[in-house]
Protein backbone atom coordinates (compact mmCIF):
# COMPACT_ATOMS: atom_id res chain seq x y z
CA MET A 1 68.81 25.01 -45.99
CA ALA A 2 68.57 24.56 -42.41
CA LYS A 3 67.89 28.82 -42.32
CA SER A 4 64.89 28.29 -44.56
CA ILE A 5 63.45 25.70 -42.47
CA PHE A 6 64.15 27.99 -39.10
CA ARG A 7 62.69 30.85 -41.20
CA THR A 8 59.47 28.75 -42.19
CA ILE A 9 59.01 27.46 -38.16
CA ILE A 10 59.31 30.93 -37.07
CA TYR A 11 57.21 32.11 -39.62
CA PHE A 12 54.37 29.48 -38.26
CA ILE A 13 54.62 30.25 -34.62
CA LEU A 14 54.25 33.89 -35.10
CA LEU A 15 50.80 33.05 -37.22
CA ASN A 16 49.51 30.79 -34.73
CA THR A 17 50.28 33.41 -32.04
CA LEU A 18 48.64 35.96 -33.69
CA VAL A 19 45.44 33.62 -34.63
CA LEU A 20 45.43 33.09 -31.06
CA ALA A 21 46.07 36.39 -29.77
CA LYS A 22 42.10 36.74 -31.81
CA ILE A 23 40.76 34.45 -29.13
CA PRO A 24 39.49 36.67 -26.18
CA ASP A 25 41.75 35.98 -22.86
CA TRP A 26 38.74 35.77 -20.91
CA ALA A 27 38.05 31.99 -22.93
CA THR A 28 40.96 30.50 -21.46
CA THR A 29 41.59 32.59 -18.17
CA ASN A 30 37.91 32.95 -16.83
CA LYS A 31 38.93 36.10 -15.96
CA HIS A 32 38.01 39.99 -17.19
CA LYS A 33 38.83 43.16 -16.00
CA LYS A 34 35.26 44.85 -16.03
CA TYR A 35 33.79 42.06 -14.48
CA PRO A 36 35.90 40.91 -11.13
CA SER A 37 35.46 37.73 -9.51
CA SER A 38 34.84 39.30 -6.26
CA ARG A 39 31.35 41.12 -7.80
CA TYR A 40 31.11 38.65 -10.41
CA PHE A 41 30.54 34.86 -11.54
CA LEU A 42 31.63 34.37 -14.99
CA GLY A 43 30.52 32.03 -17.48
CA VAL A 44 32.23 30.66 -20.42
CA GLY A 45 30.60 28.60 -23.20
CA ILE A 46 32.54 27.83 -26.71
CA SER A 47 30.52 26.00 -29.88
CA GLU A 48 30.12 25.99 -33.49
CA GLU A 49 26.77 26.97 -32.36
CA LYS A 50 26.13 30.33 -31.41
CA THR A 51 23.19 28.99 -29.26
CA ILE A 52 24.77 26.27 -28.00
CA ALA A 53 27.81 28.33 -26.72
CA ILE A 54 25.68 30.43 -25.16
CA ASP A 55 23.50 27.55 -23.34
CA MET A 56 26.93 26.22 -22.22
CA ALA A 57 27.77 29.67 -20.57
CA ARG A 58 25.09 29.73 -18.84
CA VAL A 59 25.67 26.14 -17.54
CA ASP A 60 29.33 27.28 -16.27
CA ILE A 61 27.88 30.00 -14.62
CA SER A 62 25.08 27.59 -12.52
CA SER A 63 27.74 24.78 -11.99
CA GLN A 64 30.39 27.22 -10.35
CA ILE A 65 27.19 27.53 -7.70
CA GLN A 66 26.23 24.36 -7.58
CA VAL A 67 29.83 23.50 -6.45
CA LYS A 68 29.57 26.81 -3.94
CA ILE A 69 26.89 23.97 -2.26
CA GLU A 70 29.01 21.44 -2.24
CA SER A 71 30.41 21.89 1.29
CA GLU A 72 26.54 22.70 2.92
CA MET A 73 25.45 19.37 1.36
CA GLU A 74 25.56 17.13 4.41
CA ALA A 75 23.43 19.22 6.87
CA LEU A 76 20.91 19.88 4.12
CA GLU A 77 20.77 16.42 3.24
CA GLN A 78 20.29 15.53 6.82
CA GLU A 79 17.44 18.08 7.06
CA LEU A 80 15.57 16.93 4.01
CA THR A 81 15.84 13.32 4.72
CA GLN A 82 14.54 13.19 8.18
CA ASP A 83 10.98 11.49 8.81
CA ASN A 84 11.55 9.78 5.72
CA GLU A 85 10.42 12.06 3.87
CA THR A 86 12.95 11.90 1.38
CA SER A 87 14.70 8.38 0.23
CA SER A 88 17.92 9.06 -0.73
CA SER A 89 21.09 11.05 -1.35
CA ALA A 90 20.04 11.05 -4.68
CA GLU A 91 16.50 12.97 -4.81
CA VAL A 92 18.19 15.06 -2.49
CA ASN A 93 21.14 16.34 -4.74
CA PHE A 94 18.22 16.11 -7.79
CA LYS A 95 15.88 18.58 -5.64
CA ILE A 96 19.58 21.04 -5.16
CA LYS A 97 20.28 20.98 -8.76
CA SER A 98 16.79 21.64 -9.53
CA THR A 99 16.18 24.68 -7.30
CA VAL A 100 19.95 26.10 -8.39
CA SER A 101 19.05 25.85 -12.04
CA ALA A 102 15.40 27.92 -11.17
CA THR A 103 16.76 29.64 -8.99
CA VAL A 104 20.16 31.33 -10.97
CA SER A 105 18.56 34.33 -12.75
CA GLY A 106 19.99 37.68 -13.58
CA ILE A 107 22.35 36.06 -15.94
CA GLU A 108 23.90 38.15 -18.84
CA ILE A 109 25.20 37.51 -22.07
CA VAL A 110 28.13 40.35 -22.23
CA GLU A 111 30.35 39.31 -25.05
CA ILE A 112 30.06 37.01 -28.01
CA MET A 113 33.32 36.88 -30.25
CA GLN A 114 33.28 34.50 -33.80
CA GLU A 115 36.54 33.05 -34.55
CA LYS A 116 37.50 30.51 -37.11
CA GLY A 117 33.98 28.87 -37.28
CA LYS A 118 33.49 28.76 -33.24
CA TYR A 119 31.54 31.43 -31.00
CA TYR A 120 33.18 32.26 -27.50
CA VAL A 121 30.62 33.65 -25.02
CA LEU A 122 30.68 35.40 -21.89
CA ALA A 123 28.04 35.56 -19.28
CA VAL A 124 28.22 36.93 -15.92
CA LEU A 125 26.13 36.94 -13.20
CA ASN A 126 26.21 39.99 -10.54
CA LYS A 127 26.51 38.38 -7.05
CA GLU A 128 25.33 41.04 -5.50
CA LYS A 129 21.83 41.27 -7.27
CA TYR A 130 21.88 37.68 -7.23
CA LEU A 131 22.43 36.94 -3.25
CA SER A 132 19.49 40.43 -3.08
CA THR A 133 16.81 38.63 -5.61
CA LEU A 134 17.74 35.08 -3.54
CA ILE A 135 16.74 36.80 -0.05
CA GLY A 136 13.73 37.97 -1.74
CA GLU A 137 12.80 34.46 -2.78
CA MET A 138 13.60 33.32 0.64
CA ASP A 139 11.17 36.21 2.02
CA GLY A 140 8.43 35.01 0.29
CA ILE A 141 8.97 31.44 0.82
CA PHE A 142 9.36 32.17 4.61
CA HIS A 143 6.09 34.80 4.76
CA LYS A 144 3.81 31.75 2.56
CA THR A 145 4.98 29.18 5.19
CA ASP A 146 4.47 31.15 8.34
CA GLN A 147 0.87 32.25 7.50
CA LEU A 148 0.01 28.51 5.92
CA VAL A 149 0.87 27.73 10.07
CA LYS A 150 -0.76 30.17 11.30
CA ASP A 151 -3.71 29.82 9.78
CA ALA A 152 -3.70 26.00 10.53
CA ARG A 153 -3.70 26.61 14.26
CA LEU A 154 -6.45 29.29 13.68
CA MET A 155 -7.91 26.18 11.76
CA LEU A 156 -7.64 23.82 14.72
CA LYS A 157 -9.46 25.99 17.36
CA ASP A 158 -12.50 26.24 15.31
CA GLY A 159 -12.68 22.51 14.57
CA LYS A 160 -11.44 22.90 11.23
CA ILE A 161 -9.53 19.87 11.33
CA PHE A 162 -8.78 19.01 7.61
CA SER A 163 -8.15 22.13 6.01
CA CYS A 164 -5.53 22.41 9.26
CA ILE A 165 -3.83 19.26 8.07
CA LYS A 166 -3.88 20.12 4.38
CA ASN A 167 -2.46 23.40 5.47
CA PHE A 168 0.54 21.37 7.32
CA THR A 169 1.14 19.54 4.29
CA LEU A 170 1.38 21.95 2.11
CA ALA A 171 4.00 24.31 4.66
CA GLY A 172 5.68 20.77 4.72
CA GLU A 173 6.27 20.85 1.18
CA ILE A 174 7.38 24.19 0.75
CA ILE A 175 9.87 24.49 3.11
CA PRO A 176 12.81 21.76 1.12
CA GLU A 177 13.15 24.64 -1.50
CA TYR A 178 13.49 27.28 1.51
CA TYR A 179 16.44 25.52 3.03
CA ILE A 180 18.18 24.45 -0.27
CA LYS A 181 18.26 28.18 -1.45
CA ASN A 182 19.34 29.43 2.85
CA SER A 183 22.01 26.23 1.69
CA LEU A 184 22.87 28.71 -1.36
CA LEU A 185 22.62 31.79 0.75
CA VAL A 186 25.01 30.21 3.24
CA ALA A 187 27.62 29.21 0.56
CA LEU A 188 28.03 32.34 -0.99
CA SER A 189 27.41 35.39 1.68
CA GLY A 190 28.25 32.83 4.93
CA LYS A 191 25.24 33.79 6.11
CA SER A 192 21.94 32.34 7.28
CA HIS A 193 18.59 33.91 6.12
CA SER A 194 17.71 36.29 9.10
CA LYS A 195 14.63 34.44 9.62
CA PHE A 196 16.28 30.59 9.14
CA ASN A 197 15.74 29.85 12.76
CA GLN A 198 12.64 30.78 13.07
CA LEU A 199 11.09 28.03 10.69
CA SER A 200 11.58 24.14 11.59
CA LYS A 201 10.51 21.61 9.21
CA SER A 202 11.10 19.02 12.12
CA GLY A 203 8.78 21.72 14.42
CA ILE A 204 5.84 21.30 11.87
CA SER A 205 5.88 17.68 11.17
CA SER A 206 6.15 17.30 14.47
CA GLU A 207 3.05 19.42 15.53
CA ALA A 208 1.04 17.87 12.20
CA ARG A 209 1.73 14.00 13.88
CA ASP A 210 0.40 15.39 17.04
CA ILE A 211 -3.11 16.23 15.50
CA MET A 212 -3.17 13.45 13.60
CA ALA A 213 -2.27 11.29 17.04
CA HIS A 214 -5.49 12.52 17.85
CA ILE A 215 -7.89 11.49 14.76
CA GLU A 216 -9.79 8.44 14.80
CA ILE A 217 -12.75 6.93 13.04
CA ASN A 218 -15.60 4.86 14.97
CA ILE A 219 -18.95 2.81 14.27
CA ILE A 220 -21.99 4.45 15.53
CA SER A 221 -24.39 1.99 14.03
CA GLY A 222 -24.93 -0.69 11.52
CA ASN A 223 -22.57 -3.15 12.59
CA ASN A 224 -23.52 -7.09 13.12
CA GLN A 225 -26.42 -6.91 10.66
CA GLU A 226 -28.27 -9.55 8.76
CA GLY A 227 -29.54 -9.12 5.45
CA PHE A 228 -30.05 -11.04 1.61
CA SER A 229 -26.89 -10.99 -0.42
CA GLY A 230 -27.56 -8.48 -3.36
CA LYS A 231 -29.67 -6.65 -0.99
CA GLN A 232 -29.21 -3.39 1.17
CA LEU A 233 -28.86 -4.28 4.36
CA PRO A 234 -32.04 -3.10 6.83
CA ASP A 235 -30.12 -0.28 8.04
CA PRO A 236 -27.84 2.53 7.23
CA VAL A 237 -24.05 1.94 8.61
CA GLN A 238 -23.03 5.06 10.21
CA VAL A 239 -19.37 6.12 11.34
CA LYS A 240 -17.96 9.15 12.70
CA VAL A 241 -14.14 10.92 12.40
CA GLU A 242 -13.39 12.86 15.54
CA TYR A 243 -10.67 14.83 17.12
CA LYS A 244 -10.17 13.79 20.46
CA THR A 245 -8.12 15.44 23.36
CA ASP A 246 -8.47 16.41 26.88
CA GLU A 247 -9.94 19.95 26.10
CA MET A 248 -11.62 19.21 22.87
CA ARG A 249 -13.49 16.98 21.13
CA ALA A 250 -15.13 17.53 17.39
CA GLY A 251 -16.19 15.59 14.30
CA ILE A 252 -14.16 16.25 11.20
CA SER A 253 -16.01 17.36 8.62
CA SER A 254 -14.76 17.22 4.45
CA PHE A 255 -12.23 14.34 5.59
CA PRO A 256 -12.34 11.88 2.93
CA ILE A 257 -13.74 8.19 3.41
CA ILE A 258 -13.27 5.47 1.45
CA ALA A 259 -15.47 2.27 2.23
CA LYS A 260 -14.56 -1.41 0.26
CA TYR A 261 -15.63 -4.91 1.21
CA SER A 262 -12.50 -7.16 2.52
CA ASN A 263 -12.04 -9.01 -0.99
CA GLY A 264 -10.60 -5.33 -1.97
CA GLU A 265 -13.78 -4.33 -4.30
CA ILE A 266 -14.64 -0.56 -3.34
CA LEU A 267 -18.23 0.15 -2.51
CA THR A 268 -18.25 4.31 -2.23
CA LYS A 269 -15.89 6.88 -1.70
CA SER A 270 -17.04 10.27 -0.12
CA THR A 271 -16.30 12.70 2.73
CA THR A 272 -17.95 13.25 6.19
CA ASN A 273 -20.65 15.77 6.72
CA SER A 274 -20.75 19.02 8.76
CA ASP A 275 -20.59 16.97 12.12
CA GLY A 276 -18.04 14.49 11.05
CA PHE A 277 -20.51 11.91 10.13
CA PHE A 278 -20.05 9.06 7.48
CA ILE A 279 -23.49 7.35 6.25
CA PHE A 280 -24.30 4.74 3.86
CA ASN A 281 -26.35 1.87 2.34
CA PRO A 282 -23.89 -1.07 1.92
CA THR A 283 -25.30 -3.93 -0.40
CA ALA A 284 -25.04 -6.94 1.16
CA THR A 285 -22.15 -9.26 -0.23
CA SER A 286 -20.75 -12.56 0.92
CA THR A 287 -16.48 -11.93 1.04
CA ASP A 288 -16.24 -15.47 2.94
CA ASN A 289 -16.49 -17.63 -0.09
CA ILE A 290 -19.38 -19.70 1.10
CA GLY A 291 -22.14 -17.42 1.09
CA GLU A 292 -22.69 -16.85 4.98
CA SER A 293 -21.01 -13.32 5.98
CA GLY A 294 -19.69 -9.95 4.56
CA GLU A 295 -16.81 -7.71 5.77
CA ILE A 296 -16.93 -4.03 4.78
CA ILE A 297 -13.80 -1.88 5.55
CA VAL A 298 -14.74 1.58 6.29
CA GLY A 299 -11.09 3.86 6.46
CA LEU A 300 -9.81 7.29 6.11
CA ASP A 301 -8.80 8.04 2.93
CA LEU A 302 -5.06 8.89 3.44
CA SER A 303 -4.09 8.72 -0.17
CA LYS A 304 -3.07 12.84 0.12
CA ILE A 305 -1.49 12.45 3.58
CA PRO A 306 2.20 12.11 4.01
CA GLU A 307 3.64 9.04 4.58
CA ASN A 308 5.30 9.84 8.04
CA LEU A 309 1.89 11.15 9.00
CA LYS A 310 -0.20 8.41 8.31
CA THR A 311 1.39 6.37 10.98
CA SER A 312 0.37 8.72 13.46
CA ILE A 313 -3.36 7.97 13.40
CA PRO A 314 -4.14 5.09 16.08
CA LYS A 315 -7.27 4.52 14.16
CA ALA A 316 -7.82 4.70 10.38
CA GLU A 317 -10.05 2.24 9.87
CA VAL A 318 -12.93 0.03 11.24
CA ALA A 319 -14.80 -3.25 10.17
CA ILE A 320 -18.35 -3.98 9.48
CA PHE A 321 -19.89 -7.43 9.94
CA TYR A 322 -23.18 -8.54 8.75
CA LYS A 323 -24.20 -12.02 8.36
CA LEU A 324 -26.14 -13.43 5.33
CA LYS A 325 -30.02 -14.95 5.04
CA LYS A 326 -30.14 -17.89 2.96
CA LEU A 327 -32.13 -18.51 0.14
CA ASP A 328 -32.77 -21.33 -1.59
CA LEU A 329 -32.42 -20.19 -5.10
CA GLN A 330 -30.57 -22.14 -8.27
CA PHE A 331 -29.43 -21.33 -11.84
CA SER A 332 -28.82 -23.45 -14.41
CA LEU A 333 -25.95 -21.60 -16.92
CA HIS A 334 -25.17 -21.54 -20.50
CA ILE A 335 -22.53 -19.19 -22.04
CA THR A 336 -21.16 -19.88 -25.54
CA ASP A 337 -19.33 -18.10 -28.02
CA ASN A 338 -20.49 -17.05 -31.59
CA ASN A 339 -20.27 -19.99 -32.87
CA GLY A 340 -22.35 -21.74 -29.89
CA ASN A 341 -19.45 -23.00 -28.75
CA VAL A 342 -19.72 -23.79 -24.96
CA LEU A 343 -17.39 -21.45 -22.81
CA PRO A 344 -16.52 -23.83 -19.52
CA ASP A 345 -13.62 -20.87 -18.37
CA ILE A 346 -16.55 -18.39 -17.93
CA GLU A 347 -19.07 -20.68 -17.04
CA ASN A 348 -16.83 -22.09 -14.15
CA LYS A 349 -15.82 -18.28 -13.18
CA ILE A 350 -19.66 -17.25 -13.16
CA THR A 351 -20.64 -20.87 -11.26
CA SER A 352 -18.11 -19.61 -8.54
CA TYR A 353 -19.62 -16.76 -8.32
CA ILE A 354 -22.53 -18.27 -7.16
CA THR A 355 -21.96 -20.56 -5.25
CA ASP A 356 -20.00 -17.44 -3.31
CA ASN A 357 -23.49 -16.02 -2.68
CA GLY A 358 -24.88 -18.99 -1.31
CA PHE A 359 -26.67 -20.23 -3.89
CA THR A 360 -26.77 -23.06 -6.48
CA VAL A 361 -25.43 -24.20 -9.82
CA ILE A 362 -27.49 -27.36 -11.05
CA ASP A 363 -29.12 -28.29 -14.87
CA ASP A 364 -32.90 -28.12 -14.35
CA ALA A 365 -32.83 -25.16 -12.22
CA PRO A 366 -35.79 -22.37 -12.47
CA PHE A 367 -33.73 -19.61 -13.57
CA SER A 368 -31.11 -19.78 -16.10
CA ILE A 369 -27.58 -17.58 -16.78
CA VAL A 370 -27.53 -17.74 -20.67
CA GLY A 371 -24.88 -15.18 -21.93
CA LYS A 372 -23.00 -15.06 -25.39
CA LEU A 373 -19.41 -13.85 -25.87
CA SER A 374 -18.34 -10.77 -28.12
CA VAL A 375 -15.48 -9.98 -29.23
CA GLY A 376 -15.20 -5.75 -28.78
CA LYS A 377 -12.11 -3.60 -29.51
CA GLU A 378 -8.89 -5.18 -30.87
CA LYS A 379 -5.80 -4.06 -32.24
CA THR A 380 -1.93 -5.04 -32.78
CA ILE A 381 0.76 -3.62 -30.38
CA ASP A 382 4.25 -3.26 -32.04
CA SER A 383 6.47 -3.77 -29.30
CA PRO A 384 10.21 -4.89 -29.11
CA MET A 385 9.51 -8.52 -28.57
CA GLY A 386 7.57 -8.34 -31.74
CA ASN A 387 3.53 -7.82 -32.41
CA GLN A 388 1.28 -8.29 -29.66
CA TYR A 389 -2.66 -9.18 -29.95
CA TYR A 390 -4.55 -7.28 -27.65
CA ILE A 391 -8.54 -8.05 -27.55
CA GLU A 392 -11.11 -6.82 -25.38
CA THR A 393 -14.30 -9.50 -24.91
CA SER A 394 -17.54 -8.66 -23.25
CA VAL A 395 -20.41 -11.45 -22.08
CA GLN A 396 -24.12 -9.81 -21.54
CA LEU A 397 -25.37 -12.11 -19.27
CA ASN A 398 -29.55 -12.49 -18.60
CA LEU A 399 -31.32 -13.69 -15.95
CA ILE A 400 -34.28 -15.80 -17.22
CA GLU A 401 -37.05 -17.50 -15.37
CA ARG A 402 -37.36 -20.38 -17.01
CA LYS A 403 -41.06 -21.55 -16.73
CA SER A 404 -42.25 -17.87 -17.84
CA GLY A 405 -39.24 -16.91 -20.56
CA ASP A 406 -38.79 -13.57 -18.93
CA VAL A 407 -35.62 -11.97 -18.74
CA LEU A 408 -35.90 -10.69 -14.94
CA SER A 409 -32.17 -8.80 -14.55
CA SER A 410 -29.04 -8.61 -17.02
CA ILE A 411 -25.27 -7.68 -16.40
CA LYS A 412 -21.85 -7.33 -18.62
CA ALA A 413 -18.84 -9.23 -17.72
CA ARG A 414 -15.91 -7.43 -19.21
CA GLY A 415 -12.12 -9.07 -20.33
CA LYS A 416 -8.75 -8.35 -21.53
CA GLY A 417 -6.64 -10.58 -22.83
CA LEU A 418 -2.78 -9.80 -24.77
CA ASP A 419 -0.71 -12.59 -26.45
CA MET A 420 1.97 -12.67 -28.60
CA LYS A 421 1.48 -15.62 -30.59
CA SER A 422 -2.00 -15.27 -31.73
CA ARG A 423 -5.28 -13.53 -31.93
CA SER A 424 -6.64 -16.58 -30.62
CA ASN A 425 -4.66 -16.91 -27.83
CA ALA A 426 -5.33 -13.60 -26.79
CA ILE A 427 -9.00 -14.20 -27.28
CA LEU A 428 -8.75 -17.37 -24.85
CA LYS A 429 -6.54 -15.28 -22.35
CA ALA A 430 -9.66 -12.26 -22.36
CA GLN A 431 -11.89 -15.17 -21.59
CA LYS A 432 -10.13 -16.11 -18.57
CA GLY A 433 -10.05 -12.82 -17.53
CA ILE A 434 -13.85 -12.15 -17.35
CA LYS A 435 -14.60 -10.07 -14.27
CA LEU A 436 -17.58 -8.68 -12.44
CA SER A 437 -18.51 -6.60 -9.89
CA LYS A 438 -19.45 -8.73 -6.72
CA LYS A 439 -21.27 -6.32 -5.28
CA ASN A 440 -23.74 -5.78 -8.77
CA PHE A 441 -23.67 -9.37 -9.65
CA SER A 442 -24.89 -10.58 -6.36
CA ALA A 443 -28.00 -7.94 -6.78
CA PHE A 444 -28.57 -9.17 -10.38
CA LEU A 445 -28.97 -13.07 -9.03
CA GLN A 446 -31.66 -10.90 -6.43
CA LYS A 447 -34.00 -10.38 -9.16
CA ALA A 448 -34.67 -14.31 -8.98
CA SER A 449 -36.07 -13.75 -5.50
CA LYS A 450 -39.05 -11.03 -6.55
């Protein structure tokens, strides 16, 4: 009996050995005679699905290259996080992994075997070819960056300052990829790119900041005027964006400008003309909430400028002030819903808009503002907390001369409301959220003065 059991054990051992022998050696050793590790990266993937096994083999090679670059991580992180252009180590790591993933080209699938329902895949990457491709990519990035910087310097001499800044900005965005690829190159070959010392991220940033430090915006005319609320100021406002050094003074063309009232409402967006001037005709609107004065902030639109460059500008905005002439205009209000119910929330809001312009609300005024609330778009939104009711409302306001009954002007106010409990609550929120452009409303009220 014992001999029978022993023979059975030996049989199963031999059987398992034969089965295991069918699994390729490279699947467990990560070595292959045809593809020595001195010349190739080897990646292995094992899965019940062929496509997954192939992907795993490719990822295995990318992971090995990622490990190779870890020794270069600290220096690379310092380079990429300078000037606050990258906020964290996690972001640097993400950039590196993304670049490694995008850079690893030339992986070949050289063997695929299937055994007992599993696929065994061997992928290889020729190190010499990979390094040659990597160097070629770095050559391309270097030449592109170098040309951007050279062109930027020529643009500066020609007075094309904004175009110059854009070039420096583009160069700064490209350089991190060049540094990451160079760290890969050092990790794999022990040598930096041949032109690595000729390209400095900090140098480019410093040069760009120096240019920004000589840009400023100044008021040329149109400050401290007096005008009626709701009407254009008598004279246009004129500002100029300039680049000024001891050797050079030039207006900057095509620089984006944004003008807004001091309450945040945007008045206009545009760009400077060929001589660096920006001229516009603002509507006088009260921003002091008592109807006596207004303020407009005109500034450089830096939305597309890197954060580390924005702070270099010594004077990025100017303030335009004006006083409002008094008009003794009086208005009555009557805002209702479709059922004729008075809506005090909306009436109170419209009252505040009127008094902000320095005018009065009384019942027997010569001018009436009449409006009726209507419900427009509405829908039910599914959410993890349950259904939510979304409502959009509007009020068509008509300015009416009481004596003649003529409609002098019209304007529409809109509001949005969202509530989980009921549609009616959403409508109430939309009523309370009714908004108007103060500039447009001031112009609407001015029709009573004609």
